Amino acid sequence: MFETVAGLQPEVAERLTALVEECRPVLASNGMEAVQVLLVERGTGIVPAVAITKALLGWADTPLLVAREIVETSTARAVTG
């Protein structure tokens, strides 16, 4: 799934693919916000979360900006203080 991303190490591509597969049923049953919570719980940074979100929504069909906005506006990533 992420094997064609230039410069991405194979083990990172495998990790991202595993996270996508873990997130698919969460998306189907609980929605995208639940996916974002899971990614935060797993310690997934913003850039990988955007890639995973884009993959879940359809790599070719989802603009990068849309995936980025979903991740950045998620309440799971809200900073409290």
PDB file of N, CA and C in Angstrom:
ATOM      1  N   MET A   1       0.817  -1.193   0.000  1.00  0.00           N
ATOM      2  CA  MET A   1       0.000   0.000   0.000  1.00  0.00           C
ATOM      3  C   MET A   1       0.866   1.265   0.000  1.00  0.00           C
ATOM      4  N   PHE A   2       1.879   1.298   0.841  1.00  0.00           N
ATOM      5  CA  PHE A   2       2.760   2.466   0.922  1.00  0.00           C
ATOM      6  C   PHE A   2       4.120   2.191   0.278  1.00  0.00           C
ATOM      7  N   GLU A   3       4.237   1.041  -0.384  1.00  0.00           N
ATOM      8  CA  GLU A   3       5.511   0.641  -0.969  1.00  0.00           C
ATOM      9  C   GLU A   3       5.987   1.592  -2.057  1.00  0.00           C
ATOM     10  N   THR A   4       5.069   2.290  -2.677  1.00  0.00           N
ATOM     11  CA  THR A   4       5.437   3.174  -3.790  1.00  0.00           C
ATOM     12  C   THR A   4       5.763   4.595  -3.354  1.00  0.00           C
ATOM     13  N   VAL A   5       5.684   4.868  -2.067  1.00  0.00           N
ATOM     14  CA  VAL A   5       6.006   6.206  -1.571  1.00  0.00           C
ATOM     15  C   VAL A   5       7.519   6.362  -1.572  1.00  0.00           C
ATOM     16  N   ALA A   6       7.996   7.306  -2.353  1.00  0.00           N
ATOM     17  CA  ALA A   6       9.436   7.511  -2.508  1.00  0.00           C
ATOM     18  C   ALA A   6      10.093   7.848  -1.175  1.00  0.00           C
ATOM     19  N   GLY A   7      11.204   7.175  -0.888  1.00  0.00           N
ATOM     20  CA  GLY A   7      11.988   7.468   0.290  1.00  0.00           C
ATOM     21  C   GLY A   7      11.481   6.838   1.577  1.00  0.00           C
ATOM     22  N   LEU A   8      10.369   6.131   1.526  1.00  0.00           N
ATOM     23  CA  LEU A   8       9.812   5.520   2.730  1.00  0.00           C
ATOM     24  C   LEU A   8      10.473   4.162   2.954  1.00  0.00           C
ATOM     25  N   GLN A   9      11.034   3.974   4.121  1.00  0.00           N
ATOM     26  CA  GLN A   9      11.693   2.715   4.441  1.00  0.00           C
ATOM     27  C   GLN A   9      10.665   1.589   4.488  1.00  0.00           C
ATOM     28  N   PRO A  10      11.046   0.395   4.045  1.00  0.00           N
ATOM     29  CA  PRO A  10      10.096  -0.729   3.988  1.00  0.00           C
ATOM     30  C   PRO A  10       9.409  -1.022   5.321  1.00  0.00           C
ATOM     31  N   GLU A  11      10.144  -0.923   6.428  1.00  0.00           N
ATOM     32  CA  GLU A  11       9.523  -1.219   7.719  1.00  0.00           C
ATOM     33  C   GLU A  11       8.500  -0.155   8.111  1.00  0.00           C
ATOM     34  N   VAL A  12       8.710   1.071   7.679  1.00  0.00           N
ATOM     35  CA  VAL A  12       7.737   2.137   7.941  1.00  0.00           C
ATOM     36  C   VAL A  12       6.492   1.901   7.090  1.00  0.00           C
ATOM     37  N   ALA A  13       6.694   1.526   5.830  1.00  0.00           N
ATOM     38  CA  ALA A  13       5.567   1.217   4.947  1.00  0.00           C
ATOM     39  C   ALA A  13       4.736   0.074   5.518  1.00  0.00           C
ATOM     40  N   GLU A  14       5.391  -0.941   6.058  1.00  0.00           N
ATOM     41  CA  GLU A  14       4.685  -2.074   6.664  1.00  0.00           C
ATOM     42  C   GLU A  14       3.887  -1.626   7.889  1.00  0.00           C
ATOM     43  N   ARG A  15       4.492  -0.765   8.708  1.00  0.00           N
ATOM     44  CA  ARG A  15       3.810  -0.272   9.919  1.00  0.00           C
ATOM     45  C   ARG A  15       2.571   0.541   9.544  1.00  0.00           C
ATOM     46  N   LEU A  16       2.709   1.421   8.541  1.00  0.00           N
ATOM     47  CA  LEU A  16       1.570   2.234   8.110  1.00  0.00           C
ATOM     48  C   LEU A  16       0.465   1.355   7.536  1.00  0.00           C
ATOM     49  N   THR A  17       0.846   0.361   6.751  1.00  0.00           N
ATOM     50  CA  THR A  17      -0.139  -0.556   6.176  1.00  0.00           C
ATOM     51  C   THR A  17      -0.873  -1.311   7.276  1.00  0.00           C
ATOM     52  N   ALA A  18      -0.145  -1.754   8.287  1.00  0.00           N
ATOM     53  CA  ALA A  18      -0.775  -2.457   9.413  1.00  0.00           C
ATOM     54  C   ALA A  18      -1.756  -1.548  10.148  1.00  0.00           C
ATOM     55  N   LEU A  19      -1.387  -0.284  10.321  1.00  0.00           N
ATOM     56  CA  LEU A  19      -2.296   0.662  10.976  1.00  0.00           C
ATOM     57  C   LEU A  19      -3.552   0.908  10.142  1.00  0.00           C
ATOM     58  N   VAL A  20      -3.394   0.998   8.834  1.00  0.00           N
ATOM     59  CA  VAL A  20      -4.566   1.159   7.962  1.00  0.00           C
ATOM     60  C   VAL A  20      -5.502  -0.031   8.142  1.00  0.00           C
ATOM     61  N   GLU A  21      -4.948  -1.227   8.127  1.00  0.00           N
ATOM     62  CA  GLU A  21      -5.778  -2.423   8.264  1.00  0.00           C
ATOM     63  C   GLU A  21      -6.444  -2.492   9.645  1.00  0.00           C
ATOM     64  N   GLU A  22      -5.750  -2.030  10.666  1.00  0.00           N
ATOM     65  CA  GLU A  22      -6.332  -1.984  12.011  1.00  0.00           C
ATOM     66  C   GLU A  22      -7.454  -0.952  12.088  1.00  0.00           C
ATOM     67  N   CYS A  23      -7.309   0.128  11.344  1.00  0.00           N
ATOM     68  CA  CYS A  23      -8.277   1.227  11.387  1.00  0.00           C
ATOM     69  C   CYS A  23      -9.521   0.987  10.535  1.00  0.00           C
ATOM     70  N   ARG A  24      -9.432   0.135   9.531  1.00  0.00           N
ATOM     71  CA  ARG A  24     -10.593  -0.082   8.637  1.00  0.00           C
ATOM     72  C   ARG A  24     -11.860  -0.467   9.385  1.00  0.00           C
ATOM     73  N   PRO A  25     -11.812  -1.477  10.259  1.00  0.00           N
ATOM     74  CA  PRO A  25     -13.061  -1.827  10.965  1.00  0.00           C
ATOM     75  C   PRO A  25     -13.506  -0.737  11.936  1.00  0.00           C
ATOM     76  N   VAL A  26     -12.572  -0.002  12.488  1.00  0.00           N
ATOM     77  CA  VAL A  26     -12.920   1.103  13.391  1.00  0.00           C
ATOM     78  C   VAL A  26     -13.668   2.171  12.606  1.00  0.00           C
ATOM     79  N   LEU A  27     -13.172   2.497  11.417  1.00  0.00           N
ATOM     80  CA  LEU A  27     -13.848   3.471  10.559  1.00  0.00           C
ATOM     81  C   LEU A  27     -15.251   2.993  10.212  1.00  0.00           C
ATOM     82  N   ALA A  28     -15.370   1.731   9.846  1.00  0.00           N
ATOM     83  CA  ALA A  28     -16.670   1.190   9.444  1.00  0.00           C
ATOM     84  C   ALA A  28     -17.678   1.175  10.586  1.00  0.00           C
ATOM     85  N   SER A  29     -17.211   0.904  11.789  1.00  0.00           N
ATOM     86  CA  SER A  29     -18.161   0.768  12.893  1.00  0.00           C
ATOM     87  C   SER A  29     -18.320   2.027  13.745  1.00  0.00           C
ATOM     88  N   ASN A  30     -17.247   2.832  13.842  1.00  0.00           N
ATOM     89  CA  ASN A  30     -17.310   3.961  14.772  1.00  0.00           C
ATOM     90  C   ASN A  30     -17.013   5.313  14.143  1.00  0.00           C
ATOM     91  N   GLY A  31     -16.582   5.350  12.890  1.00  0.00           N
ATOM     92  CA  GLY A  31     -16.351   6.615  12.208  1.00  0.00           C
ATOM     93  C   GLY A  31     -14.915   7.117  12.281  1.00  0.00           C
ATOM     94  N   MET A  32     -14.692   8.192  11.566  1.00  0.00           N
ATOM     95  CA  MET A  32     -13.344   8.737  11.413  1.00  0.00           C
ATOM     96  C   MET A  32     -12.782   9.305  12.709  1.00  0.00           C
ATOM     97  N   GLU A  33     -13.618   9.886  13.550  1.00  0.00           N
ATOM     98  CA  GLU A  33     -13.090  10.427  14.806  1.00  0.00           C
ATOM     99  C   GLU A  33     -12.517   9.312  15.669  1.00  0.00           C
ATOM    100  N   ALA A  34     -13.156   8.156  15.673  1.00  0.00           N
ATOM    101  CA  ALA A  34     -12.636   7.010  16.416  1.00  0.00           C
ATOM    102  C   ALA A  34     -11.294   6.554  15.844  1.00  0.00           C
ATOM    103  N   VAL A  35     -11.150   6.636  14.532  1.00  0.00           N
ATOM    104  CA  VAL A  35      -9.873   6.315  13.899  1.00  0.00           C
ATOM    105  C   VAL A  35      -8.797   7.267  14.395  1.00  0.00           C
ATOM    106  N   GLN A  36      -9.121   8.540  14.435  1.00  0.00           N
ATOM    107  CA  GLN A  36      -8.140   9.533  14.876  1.00  0.00           C
ATOM    108  C   GLN A  36      -7.748   9.307  16.341  1.00  0.00           C
ATOM    109  N   VAL A  37      -8.701   8.931  17.166  1.00  0.00           N
ATOM    110  CA  VAL A  37      -8.400   8.612  18.563  1.00  0.00           C
ATOM    111  C   VAL A  37      -7.438   7.433  18.628  1.00  0.00           C
ATOM    112  N   LEU A  38      -7.709   6.398  17.853  1.00  0.00           N
ATOM    113  CA  LEU A  38      -6.832   5.225  17.823  1.00  0.00           C
ATOM    114  C   LEU A  38      -5.417   5.610  17.396  1.00  0.00           C
ATOM    115  N   LEU A  39      -5.318   6.433  16.366  1.00  0.00           N
ATOM    116  CA  LEU A  39      -3.996   6.842  15.891  1.00  0.00           C
ATOM    117  C   LEU A  39      -3.242   7.641  16.950  1.00  0.00           C
ATOM    118  N   VAL A  40      -3.933   8.511  17.657  1.00  0.00           N
ATOM    119  CA  VAL A  40      -3.291   9.271  18.738  1.00  0.00           C
ATOM    120  C   VAL A  40      -2.851   8.310  19.839  1.00  0.00           C
ATOM    121  N   GLU A  41      -3.704   7.361  20.198  1.00  0.00           N
ATOM    122  CA  GLU A  41      -3.359   6.381  21.232  1.00  0.00           C
ATOM    123  C   GLU A  41      -2.138   5.559  20.849  1.00  0.00           C
ATOM    124  N   ARG A  42      -1.965   5.324  19.562  1.00  0.00           N
ATOM    125  CA  ARG A  42      -0.810   4.561  19.062  1.00  0.00           C
ATOM    126  C   ARG A  42       0.436   5.431  18.917  1.00  0.00           C
ATOM    127  N   GLY A  43       0.293   6.732  19.207  1.00  0.00           N
ATOM    128  CA  GLY A  43       1.439   7.634  19.114  1.00  0.00           C
ATOM    129  C   GLY A  43       1.801   8.013  17.690  1.00  0.00           C
ATOM    130  N   THR A  44       0.824   7.944  16.801  1.00  0.00           N
ATOM    131  CA  THR A  44       1.049   8.253  15.393  1.00  0.00           C
ATOM    132  C   THR A  44       1.126   9.756  15.200  1.00  0.00           C
ATOM    133  N   GLY A  45       2.202  10.215  14.599  1.00  0.00           N
ATOM    134  CA  GLY A  45       2.381  11.635  14.329  1.00  0.00           C
ATOM    135  C   GLY A  45       1.407  12.140  13.278  1.00  0.00           C
ATOM    136  N   ILE A  46       1.407  13.435  13.093  1.00  0.00           N
ATOM    137  CA  ILE A  46       0.459  14.064  12.163  1.00  0.00           C
ATOM    138  C   ILE A  46       0.680  13.604  10.719  1.00  0.00           C
ATOM    139  N   VAL A  47       1.911  13.613  10.260  1.00  0.00           N
ATOM    140  CA  VAL A  47       2.168  13.250   8.858  1.00  0.00           C
ATOM    141  C   VAL A  47       1.760  11.798   8.575  1.00  0.00           C
ATOM    142  N   PRO A  48       2.171  10.834   9.400  1.00  0.00           N
ATOM    143  CA  PRO A  48       1.692   9.471   9.152  1.00  0.00           C
ATOM    144  C   PRO A  48       0.172   9.345   9.284  1.00  0.00           C
ATOM    145  N   ALA A  49      -0.432  10.080  10.210  1.00  0.00           N
ATOM    146  CA  ALA A  49      -1.886  10.030  10.365  1.00  0.00           C
ATOM    147  C   ALA A  49      -2.593  10.554   9.121  1.00  0.00           C
ATOM    148  N   VAL A  50      -2.028  11.582   8.505  1.00  0.00           N
ATOM    149  CA  VAL A  50      -2.598  12.104   7.263  1.00  0.00           C
ATOM    150  C   VAL A  50      -2.517  11.036   6.175  1.00  0.00           C
ATOM    151  N   ALA A  51      -1.381  10.373   6.066  1.00  0.00           N
ATOM    152  CA  ALA A  51      -1.220   9.321   5.052  1.00  0.00           C
ATOM    153  C   ALA A  51      -2.193   8.178   5.294  1.00  0.00           C
ATOM    154  N   ILE A  52      -2.349   7.777   6.547  1.00  0.00           N
ATOM    155  CA  ILE A  52      -3.278   6.693   6.884  1.00  0.00           C
ATOM    156  C   ILE A  52      -4.714   7.114   6.593  1.00  0.00           C
ATOM    157  N   THR A  53      -5.068   8.320   6.947  1.00  0.00           N
ATOM    158  CA  THR A  53      -6.413   8.837   6.678  1.00  0.00           C
ATOM    159  C   THR A  53      -6.691   8.869   5.183  1.00  0.00           C
ATOM    160  N   LYS A  54      -5.737   9.343   4.425  1.00  0.00           N
ATOM    161  CA  LYS A  54      -5.878   9.393   2.963  1.00  0.00           C
ATOM    162  C   LYS A  54      -6.057   7.986   2.394  1.00  0.00           C
ATOM    163  N   ALA A  55      -5.286   7.030   2.905  1.00  0.00           N
ATOM    164  CA  ALA A  55      -5.408   5.648   2.442  1.00  0.00           C
ATOM    165  C   ALA A  55      -6.779   5.074   2.779  1.00  0.00           C
ATOM    166  N   LEU A  56      -7.277   5.363   3.962  1.00  0.00           N
ATOM    167  CA  LEU A  56      -8.591   4.856   4.373  1.00  0.00           C
ATOM    168  C   LEU A  56      -9.721   5.417   3.518  1.00  0.00           C
ATOM    169  N   LEU A  57      -9.577   6.665   3.120  1.00  0.00           N
ATOM    170  CA  LEU A  57     -10.634   7.317   2.338  1.00  0.00           C
ATOM    171  C   LEU A  57     -10.507   7.078   0.841  1.00  0.00           C
ATOM    172  N   GLY A  58      -9.389   6.508   0.441  1.00  0.00           N
ATOM    173  CA  GLY A  58      -9.141   6.258  -0.983  1.00  0.00           C
ATOM    174  C   GLY A  58      -7.995   7.131  -1.455  1.00  0.00           C
ATOM    175  N   TRP A  59      -6.839   6.533  -1.597  1.00  0.00           N
ATOM    176  CA  TRP A  59      -5.615   7.274  -1.909  1.00  0.00           C
ATOM    177  C   TRP A  59      -5.796   8.176  -3.128  1.00  0.00           C
ATOM    178  N   ALA A  60      -6.312   7.627  -4.196  1.00  0.00           N
ATOM    179  CA  ALA A  60      -6.439   8.396  -5.443  1.00  0.00           C
ATOM    180  C   ALA A  60      -7.591   9.398  -5.406  1.00  0.00           C
ATOM    181  N   ASP A  61      -8.590   9.109  -4.609  1.00  0.00           N
ATOM    182  CA  ASP A  61      -9.798   9.938  -4.609  1.00  0.00           C
ATOM    183  C   ASP A  61      -9.815  11.035  -3.551  1.00  0.00           C
ATOM    184  N   THR A  62      -8.871  11.001  -2.614  1.00  0.00           N
ATOM    185  CA  THR A  62      -8.900  11.941  -1.495  1.00  0.00           C
ATOM    186  C   THR A  62      -7.767  12.945  -1.607  1.00  0.00           C
ATOM    187  N   PRO A  63      -8.101  14.223  -1.743  1.00  0.00           N
ATOM    188  CA  PRO A  63      -7.046  15.243  -1.776  1.00  0.00           C
ATOM    189  C   PRO A  63      -6.277  15.266  -0.454  1.00  0.00           C
ATOM    190  N   LEU A  64      -4.996  15.511  -0.551  1.00  0.00           N
ATOM    191  CA  LEU A  64      -4.140  15.586   0.628  1.00  0.00           C
ATOM    192  C   LEU A  64      -4.678  16.602   1.630  1.00  0.00           C
ATOM    193  N   LEU A  65      -5.141  17.733   1.139  1.00  0.00           N
ATOM    194  CA  LEU A  65      -5.663  18.783   2.010  1.00  0.00           C
ATOM    195  C   LEU A  65      -6.853  18.300   2.829  1.00  0.00           C
ATOM    196  N   VAL A  66      -7.696  17.478   2.241  1.00  0.00           N
ATOM    197  CA  VAL A  66      -8.858  16.948   2.951  1.00  0.00           C
ATOM    198  C   VAL A  66      -8.408  16.041   4.101  1.00  0.00           C
ATOM    199  N   ALA A  67      -7.479  15.138   3.812  1.00  0.00           N
ATOM    200  CA  ALA A  67      -6.973  14.235   4.850  1.00  0.00           C
ATOM    201  C   ALA A  67      -6.274  15.021   5.952  1.00  0.00           C
ATOM    202  N   ARG A  68      -5.497  16.013   5.552  1.00  0.00           N
ATOM    203  CA  ARG A  68      -4.787  16.847   6.535  1.00  0.00           C
ATOM    204  C   ARG A  68      -5.775  17.574   7.448  1.00  0.00           C
ATOM    205  N   GLU A  69      -6.818  18.116   6.864  1.00  0.00           N
ATOM    206  CA  GLU A  69      -7.816  18.839   7.657  1.00  0.00           C
ATOM    207  C   GLU A  69      -8.510  17.915   8.654  1.00  0.00           C
ATOM    208  N   ILE A  70      -8.818  16.701   8.224  1.00  0.00           N
ATOM    209  CA  ILE A  70      -9.456  15.734   9.128  1.00  0.00           C
ATOM    210  C   ILE A  70      -8.563  15.474  10.336  1.00  0.00           C
ATOM    211  N   VAL A  71      -7.289  15.249  10.079  1.00  0.00           N
ATOM    212  CA  VAL A  71      -6.354  14.954  11.171  1.00  0.00           C
ATOM    213  C   VAL A  71      -6.167  16.167  12.068  1.00  0.00           C
ATOM    214  N   GLU A  72      -5.913  17.308  11.472  1.00  0.00           N
ATOM    215  CA  GLU A  72      -5.592  18.499  12.260  1.00  0.00           C
ATOM    216  C   GLU A  72      -6.767  19.045  13.054  1.00  0.00           C
ATOM    217  N   THR A  73      -7.984  18.808  12.600  1.00  0.00           N
ATOM    218  CA  THR A  73      -9.157  19.327  13.312  1.00  0.00           C
ATOM    219  C   THR A  73      -9.797  18.297  14.232  1.00  0.00           C
ATOM    220  N   SER A  74      -9.228  17.117  14.291  1.00  0.00           N
ATOM    221  CA  SER A  74      -9.764  16.072  15.155  1.00  0.00           C
ATOM    222  C   SER A  74      -9.663  16.489  16.618  1.00  0.00           C
ATOM    223  N   THR A  75     -10.713  16.229  17.366  1.00  0.00           N
ATOM    224  CA  THR A  75     -10.680  16.527  18.797  1.00  0.00           C
ATOM    225  C   THR A  75      -9.660  15.633  19.501  1.00  0.00           C
ATOM    226  N   ALA A  76      -9.300  14.524  18.897  1.00  0.00           N
ATOM    227  CA  ALA A  76      -8.293  13.631  19.479  1.00  0.00           C
ATOM    228  C   ALA A  76      -6.939  14.298  19.556  1.00  0.00           C
ATOM    229  N   ARG A  77      -6.691  15.269  18.693  1.00  0.00           N
ATOM    230  CA  ARG A  77      -5.411  15.975  18.674  1.00  0.00           C
ATOM    231  C   ARG A  77      -5.478  17.339  19.343  1.00  0.00           C
ATOM    232  N   ALA A  78      -6.626  17.663  19.917  1.00  0.00           N
ATOM    233  CA  ALA A  78      -6.771  18.950  20.591  1.00  0.00           C
ATOM    234  C   ALA A  78      -5.837  19.011  21.788  1.00  0.00           C
ATOM    235  N   VAL A  79      -5.158  20.108  21.901  1.00  0.00           N
ATOM    236  CA  VAL A  79      -4.234  20.311  23.008  1.00  0.00           C
ATOM    237  C   VAL A  79      -5.003  20.946  24.159  1.00  0.00           C
ATOM    238  N   THR A  80      -4.911  20.323  25.299  1.00  0.00           N
ATOM    239  CA  THR A  80      -5.567  20.895  26.481  1.00  0.00           C
ATOM    240  C   THR A  80      -4.502  21.448  27.409  1.00  0.00           C
ATOM    241  N   GLY A  81      -4.847  22.472  28.087  1.00  0.00           N
ATOM    242  CA  GLY A  81      -3.837  23.016  28.961  1.00  0.00           C
ATOM    243  C   GLY A  81      -4.389  23.969  29.852  1.00  0.00           C
TER     244      GLY A  81
END
